[in-house]
Amino acid sequence: RAVDRVFEVLELKKKATNGQLLQR
């Protein structure tokens, strides 16, 4: 669960950087 959380955060940061999450 701890390691999966790291991957989740990295994916969210990637989407935010690409503007995907910030738009929605």
PDB file of all heavy atoms in Angstrom:
ATOM      1  N   ARG A   1       0.837  -1.209   0.000  1.00  0.00           N
ATOM      2  CA  ARG A   1       0.000   0.000   0.000  1.00  0.00           C
ATOM      3  C   ARG A   1       0.866   1.250   0.000  1.00  0.00           C
ATOM      4  O   ARG A   1       0.579   2.236  -0.692  1.00  0.00           O
ATOM      5  CB  ARG A   1      -0.905  -0.009   1.248  1.00  0.00           C
ATOM      6  CG  ARG A   1      -1.741   1.251   1.409  1.00  0.00           C
ATOM      7  CD  ARG A   1      -2.881   1.267   0.404  1.00  0.00           C
ATOM      8  NE  ARG A   1      -3.561   2.543   0.437  1.00  0.00           N
ATOM      9  CZ  ARG A   1      -3.264   3.569  -0.363  1.00  0.00           C
ATOM     10  NH1 ARG A   1      -2.288   3.473  -1.246  1.00  0.00           N
ATOM     11  NH2 ARG A   1      -3.951   4.693  -0.286  1.00  0.00           N
ATOM     12  N   ALA A   2       1.950   1.211   0.757  1.00  0.00           N
ATOM     13  CA  ALA A   2       2.855   2.356   0.829  1.00  0.00           C
ATOM     14  C   ALA A   2       3.484   2.638  -0.529  1.00  0.00           C
ATOM     15  O   ALA A   2       3.531   3.786  -0.990  1.00  0.00           O
ATOM     16  CB  ALA A   2       3.929   2.103   1.879  1.00  0.00           C
ATOM     17  N   VAL A   3       3.969   1.589  -1.190  1.00  0.00           N
ATOM     18  CA  VAL A   3       4.601   1.762  -2.493  1.00  0.00           C
ATOM     19  C   VAL A   3       3.571   2.197  -3.536  1.00  0.00           C
ATOM     20  O   VAL A   3       3.835   3.070  -4.373  1.00  0.00           O
ATOM     21  CB  VAL A   3       5.310   0.470  -2.928  1.00  0.00           C
ATOM     22  CG1 VAL A   3       5.873   0.604  -4.346  1.00  0.00           C
ATOM     23  CG2 VAL A   3       6.427   0.125  -1.949  1.00  0.00           C
ATOM     24  N   ASP A   4       2.384   1.611  -3.485  1.00  0.00           N
ATOM     25  CA  ASP A   4       1.327   1.993  -4.426  1.00  0.00           C
ATOM     26  C   ASP A   4       0.984   3.471  -4.281  1.00  0.00           C
ATOM     27  O   ASP A   4       0.688   4.156  -5.274  1.00  0.00           O
ATOM     28  CB  ASP A   4       0.071   1.154  -4.195  1.00  0.00           C
ATOM     29  CG  ASP A   4       0.252  -0.294  -4.626  1.00  0.00           C
ATOM     30  OD1 ASP A   4       1.202  -0.572  -5.390  1.00  0.00           O
ATOM     31  OD2 ASP A   4      -0.542  -1.147  -4.191  1.00  0.00           O
ATOM     32  N   ARG A   5       1.011   3.965  -3.048  1.00  0.00           N
ATOM     33  CA  ARG A   5       0.712   5.381  -2.831  1.00  0.00           C
ATOM     34  C   ARG A   5       1.742   6.264  -3.537  1.00  0.00           C
ATOM     35  O   ARG A   5       1.396   7.297  -4.110  1.00  0.00           O
ATOM     36  CB  ARG A   5       0.688   5.706  -1.337  1.00  0.00           C
ATOM     37  CG  ARG A   5       0.701   7.206  -1.065  1.00  0.00           C
ATOM     38  CD  ARG A   5       0.402   7.535   0.357  1.00  0.00           C
ATOM     39  NE  ARG A   5      -0.988   7.270   0.658  1.00  0.00           N
ATOM     40  CZ  ARG A   5      -1.527   7.478   1.851  1.00  0.00           C
ATOM     41  NH1 ARG A   5      -0.789   7.915   2.834  1.00  0.00           N
ATOM     42  NH2 ARG A   5      -2.799   7.239   2.055  1.00  0.00           N
ATOM     43  N   VAL A   6       2.993   5.859  -3.504  1.00  0.00           N
ATOM     44  CA  VAL A   6       4.035   6.624  -4.193  1.00  0.00           C
ATOM     45  C   VAL A   6       3.716   6.722  -5.682  1.00  0.00           C
ATOM     46  O   VAL A   6       3.777   7.798  -6.287  1.00  0.00           O
ATOM     47  CB  VAL A   6       5.422   5.987  -3.985  1.00  0.00           C
ATOM     48  CG1 VAL A   6       6.473   6.723  -4.819  1.00  0.00           C
ATOM     49  CG2 VAL A   6       5.801   6.013  -2.511  1.00  0.00           C
ATOM     50  N   PHE A   7       3.338   5.596  -6.279  1.00  0.00           N
ATOM     51  CA  PHE A   7       2.996   5.601  -7.701  1.00  0.00           C
ATOM     52  C   PHE A   7       1.758   6.459  -7.977  1.00  0.00           C
ATOM     53  O   PHE A   7       1.689   7.156  -8.994  1.00  0.00           O
ATOM     54  CB  PHE A   7       2.770   4.169  -8.201  1.00  0.00           C
ATOM     55  CG  PHE A   7       4.037   3.425  -8.483  1.00  0.00           C
ATOM     56  CD1 PHE A   7       4.519   2.471  -7.608  1.00  0.00           C
ATOM     57  CD2 PHE A   7       4.771   3.694  -9.639  1.00  0.00           C
ATOM     58  CE1 PHE A   7       5.699   1.787  -7.869  1.00  0.00           C
ATOM     59  CE2 PHE A   7       5.952   3.012  -9.914  1.00  0.00           C
ATOM     60  CZ  PHE A   7       6.415   2.062  -9.024  1.00  0.00           C
ATOM     61  N   GLU A   8       0.787   6.420  -7.074  1.00  0.00           N
ATOM     62  CA  GLU A   8      -0.415   7.239  -7.239  1.00  0.00           C
ATOM     63  C   GLU A   8      -0.068   8.724  -7.239  1.00  0.00           C
ATOM     64  O   GLU A   8      -0.562   9.490  -8.071  1.00  0.00           O
ATOM     65  CB  GLU A   8      -1.409   6.942  -6.119  1.00  0.00           C
ATOM     66  CG  GLU A   8      -2.065   5.574  -6.216  1.00  0.00           C
ATOM     67  CD  GLU A   8      -2.817   5.220  -4.942  1.00  0.00           C
ATOM     68  OE1 GLU A   8      -2.902   6.074  -4.037  1.00  0.00           O
ATOM     69  OE2 GLU A   8      -3.329   4.094  -4.853  1.00  0.00           O
ATOM     70  N   VAL A   9       0.767   9.126  -6.295  1.00  0.00           N
ATOM     71  CA  VAL A   9       1.151  10.532  -6.198  1.00  0.00           C
ATOM     72  C   VAL A   9       1.935  10.960  -7.433  1.00  0.00           C
ATOM     73  O   VAL A   9       1.715  12.051  -7.974  1.00  0.00           O
ATOM     74  CB  VAL A   9       1.975  10.781  -4.915  1.00  0.00           C
ATOM     75  CG1 VAL A   9       2.533  12.205  -4.907  1.00  0.00           C
ATOM     76  CG2 VAL A   9       1.124  10.550  -3.684  1.00  0.00           C
ATOM     77  N   LEU A  10       2.835  10.110  -7.903  1.00  0.00           N
ATOM     78  CA  LEU A  10       3.611  10.432  -9.097  1.00  0.00           C
ATOM     79  C   LEU A  10       2.704  10.595 -10.313  1.00  0.00           C
ATOM     80  O   LEU A  10       2.919  11.484 -11.150  1.00  0.00           O
ATOM     81  CB  LEU A  10       4.648   9.338  -9.360  1.00  0.00           C
ATOM     82  CG  LEU A  10       5.827   9.276  -8.384  1.00  0.00           C
ATOM     83  CD1 LEU A  10       6.677   8.037  -8.654  1.00  0.00           C
ATOM     84  CD2 LEU A  10       6.680  10.531  -8.474  1.00  0.00           C
ATOM     85  N   GLU A  11       1.687   9.746 -10.417  1.00  0.00           N
ATOM     86  CA  GLU A  11       0.756   9.832 -11.539  1.00  0.00           C
ATOM     87  C   GLU A  11      -0.068  11.115 -11.463  1.00  0.00           C
ATOM     88  O   GLU A  11      -0.300  11.784 -12.476  1.00  0.00           O
ATOM     89  CB  GLU A  11      -0.163   8.605 -11.549  1.00  0.00           C
ATOM     90  CG  GLU A  11      -1.140   8.554 -12.713  1.00  0.00           C
ATOM     91  CD  GLU A  11      -0.459   8.471 -14.070  1.00  0.00           C
ATOM     92  OE1 GLU A  11       0.708   8.027 -14.129  1.00  0.00           O
ATOM     93  OE2 GLU A  11      -1.087   8.854 -15.076  1.00  0.00           O
ATOM     94  N   LEU A  12      -0.499  11.469 -10.257  1.00  0.00           N
ATOM     95  CA  LEU A  12      -1.258  12.707 -10.083  1.00  0.00           C
ATOM     96  C   LEU A  12      -0.409  13.924 -10.433  1.00  0.00           C
ATOM     97  O   LEU A  12      -0.888  14.866 -11.064  1.00  0.00           O
ATOM     98  CB  LEU A  12      -1.761  12.812  -8.637  1.00  0.00           C
ATOM     99  CG  LEU A  12      -2.920  11.891  -8.267  1.00  0.00           C
ATOM    100  CD1 LEU A  12      -3.125  11.900  -6.762  1.00  0.00           C
ATOM    101  CD2 LEU A  12      -4.193  12.331  -8.977  1.00  0.00           C
ATOM    102  N   LYS A  13       0.853  13.896 -10.020  1.00  0.00           N
ATOM    103  CA  LYS A  13       1.741  15.009 -10.345  1.00  0.00           C
ATOM    104  C   LYS A  13       1.962  15.105 -11.853  1.00  0.00           C
ATOM    105  O   LYS A  13       2.020  16.203 -12.420  1.00  0.00           O
ATOM    106  CB  LYS A  13       3.083  14.824  -9.633  1.00  0.00           C
ATOM    107  CG  LYS A  13       3.030  15.092  -8.138  1.00  0.00           C
ATOM    108  CD  LYS A  13       4.408  14.909  -7.509  1.00  0.00           C
ATOM    109  CE  LYS A  13       4.375  15.246  -6.030  1.00  0.00           C
ATOM    110  NZ  LYS A  13       5.695  15.056  -5.388  1.00  0.00           N
ATOM    111  N   LYS A  14       2.072  13.952 -12.490  1.00  0.00           N
ATOM    112  CA  LYS A  14       2.276  13.929 -13.941  1.00  0.00           C
ATOM    113  C   LYS A  14       1.069  14.522 -14.649  1.00  0.00           C
ATOM    114  O   LYS A  14       1.207  15.344 -15.571  1.00  0.00           O
ATOM    115  CB  LYS A  14       2.512  12.493 -14.400  1.00  0.00           C
ATOM    116  CG  LYS A  14       2.715  12.352 -15.902  1.00  0.00           C
ATOM    117  CD  LYS A  14       2.920  10.885 -16.262  1.00  0.00           C
ATOM    118  CE  LYS A  14       3.038  10.714 -17.777  1.00  0.00           C
ATOM    119  NZ  LYS A  14       3.206   9.284 -18.154  1.00  0.00           N
ATOM    120  N   LYS A  15      -0.122  14.127 -14.225  1.00  0.00           N
ATOM    121  CA  LYS A  15      -1.343  14.647 -14.839  1.00  0.00           C
ATOM    122  C   LYS A  15      -1.490  16.146 -14.589  1.00  0.00           C
ATOM    123  O   LYS A  15      -1.927  16.895 -15.449  1.00  0.00           O
ATOM    124  CB  LYS A  15      -2.555  13.893 -14.311  1.00  0.00           C
ATOM    125  CG  LYS A  15      -2.655  12.460 -14.805  1.00  0.00           C
ATOM    126  CD  LYS A  15      -3.890  11.775 -14.278  1.00  0.00           C
ATOM    127  CE  LYS A  15      -4.002  10.352 -14.813  1.00  0.00           C
ATOM    128  NZ  LYS A  15      -5.199   9.660 -14.281  1.00  0.00           N
ATOM    129  N   ALA A  16      -1.142  16.549 -13.353  1.00  0.00           N
ATOM    130  CA  ALA A  16      -1.244  17.964 -13.031  1.00  0.00           C
ATOM    131  C   ALA A  16      -0.283  18.778 -13.883  1.00  0.00           C
ATOM    132  O   ALA A  16      -0.609  19.862 -14.366  1.00  0.00           O
ATOM    133  CB  ALA A  16      -0.942  18.184 -11.548  1.00  0.00           C
ATOM    134  N   THR A  17       0.927  18.239 -14.095  1.00  0.00           N
ATOM    135  CA  THR A  17       1.926  18.916 -14.928  1.00  0.00           C
ATOM    136  C   THR A  17       1.438  19.035 -16.365  1.00  0.00           C
ATOM    137  O   THR A  17       1.639  20.051 -17.030  1.00  0.00           O
ATOM    138  CB  THR A  17       3.259  18.150 -14.897  1.00  0.00           C
ATOM    139  OG1 THR A  17       3.715  18.071 -13.554  1.00  0.00           O
ATOM    140  CG2 THR A  17       4.312  18.854 -15.733  1.00  0.00           C
ATOM    141  N   ASN A  18       0.764  17.997 -16.833  1.00  0.00           N
ATOM    142  CA  ASN A  18       0.248  18.008 -18.199  1.00  0.00           C
ATOM    143  C   ASN A  18      -1.032  18.813 -18.335  1.00  0.00           C
ATOM    144  O   ASN A  18      -1.564  18.969 -19.434  1.00  0.00           O
ATOM    145  CB  ASN A  18      -0.011  16.572 -18.681  1.00  0.00           C
ATOM    146  CG  ASN A  18       1.274  15.788 -18.828  1.00  0.00           C
ATOM    147  OD1 ASN A  18       2.338  16.369 -18.986  1.00  0.00           O
ATOM    148  ND2 ASN A  18       1.187  14.467 -18.762  1.00  0.00           N
ATOM    149  N   GLY A  19      -1.560  19.295 -17.204  1.00  0.00           N
ATOM    150  CA  GLY A  19      -2.776  20.098 -17.243  1.00  0.00           C
ATOM    151  C   GLY A  19      -4.059  19.299 -17.209  1.00  0.00           C
ATOM    152  O   GLY A  19      -5.145  19.856 -17.214  1.00  0.00           O
ATOM    153  N   GLN A  20      -3.954  17.950 -17.170  1.00  0.00           N
ATOM    154  CA  GLN A  20      -5.157  17.133 -17.220  1.00  0.00           C
ATOM    155  C   GLN A  20      -6.024  17.319 -15.976  1.00  0.00           C
ATOM    156  O   GLN A  20      -7.235  17.488 -16.065  1.00  0.00           O
ATOM    157  CB  GLN A  20      -4.784  15.658 -17.367  1.00  0.00           C
ATOM    158  CG  GLN A  20      -4.039  15.358 -18.661  1.00  0.00           C
ATOM    159  CD  GLN A  20      -3.588  13.921 -18.728  1.00  0.00           C
ATOM    160  OE1 GLN A  20      -4.193  13.039 -18.134  1.00  0.00           O
ATOM    161  NE2 GLN A  20      -2.510  13.664 -19.441  1.00  0.00           N
ATOM    162  N   LEU A  21      -5.384  17.264 -14.797  1.00  0.00           N
ATOM    163  CA  LEU A  21      -6.163  17.410 -13.574  1.00  0.00           C
ATOM    164  C   LEU A  21      -6.523  18.865 -13.312  1.00  0.00           C
ATOM    165  O   LEU A  21      -7.610  19.152 -12.823  1.00  0.00           O
ATOM    166  CB  LEU A  21      -5.376  16.858 -12.386  1.00  0.00           C
ATOM    167  CG  LEU A  21      -5.337  15.343 -12.273  1.00  0.00           C
ATOM    168  CD1 LEU A  21      -4.512  14.947 -11.068  1.00  0.00           C
ATOM    169  CD2 LEU A  21      -6.737  14.764 -12.160  1.00  0.00           C
ATOM    170  N   LEU A  22      -5.639  19.767 -13.639  1.00  0.00           N
ATOM    171  CA  LEU A  22      -5.897  21.168 -13.337  1.00  0.00           C
ATOM    172  C   LEU A  22      -7.092  21.680 -14.116  1.00  0.00           C
ATOM    173  O   LEU A  22      -7.830  22.544 -13.650  1.00  0.00           O
ATOM    174  CB  LEU A  22      -4.657  22.012 -13.661  1.00  0.00           C
ATOM    175  CG  LEU A  22      -3.422  21.718 -12.808  1.00  0.00           C
ATOM    176  CD1 LEU A  22      -2.291  22.668 -13.188  1.00  0.00           C
ATOM    177  CD2 LEU A  22      -3.737  21.890 -11.331  1.00  0.00           C
ATOM    178  N   GLN A  23      -7.316  21.156 -15.317  1.00  0.00           N
ATOM    179  CA  GLN A  23      -8.455  21.576 -16.108  1.00  0.00           C
ATOM    180  C   GLN A  23      -9.758  21.051 -15.515  1.00  0.00           C
ATOM    181  O   GLN A  23     -10.764  21.742 -15.484  1.00  0.00           O
ATOM    182  CB  GLN A  23      -8.308  21.071 -17.546  1.00  0.00           C
ATOM    183  CG  GLN A  23      -7.167  21.759 -18.305  1.00  0.00           C
ATOM    184  CD  GLN A  23      -6.959  21.162 -19.670  1.00  0.00           C
ATOM    185  OE1 GLN A  23      -7.754  20.354 -20.136  1.00  0.00           O
ATOM    186  NE2 GLN A  23      -5.875  21.542 -20.325  1.00  0.00           N
ATOM    187  N   ARG A  24      -9.733  19.829 -15.014  1.00  0.00           N
ATOM    188  CA  ARG A  24     -10.946  19.218 -14.484  1.00  0.00           C
ATOM    189  C   ARG A  24     -11.197  19.593 -13.040  1.00  0.00           C
ATOM    190  O   ARG A  24     -12.338  19.742 -12.619  1.00  0.00           O
ATOM    191  CB  ARG A  24     -10.856  17.683 -14.594  1.00  0.00           C
ATOM    192  CG  ARG A  24     -10.811  17.178 -16.011  1.00  0.00           C
ATOM    193  CD  ARG A  24     -10.824  15.668 -16.027  1.00  0.00           C
ATOM    194  NE  ARG A  24     -12.040  15.154 -15.410  1.00  0.00           N
ATOM    195  CZ  ARG A  24     -12.184  13.898 -15.001  1.00  0.00           C
ATOM    196  NH1 ARG A  24     -11.180  13.064 -15.132  1.00  0.00           N
ATOM    197  NH2 ARG A  24     -13.303  13.503 -14.460  1.00  0.00           N
TER     198      ARG A  24
END
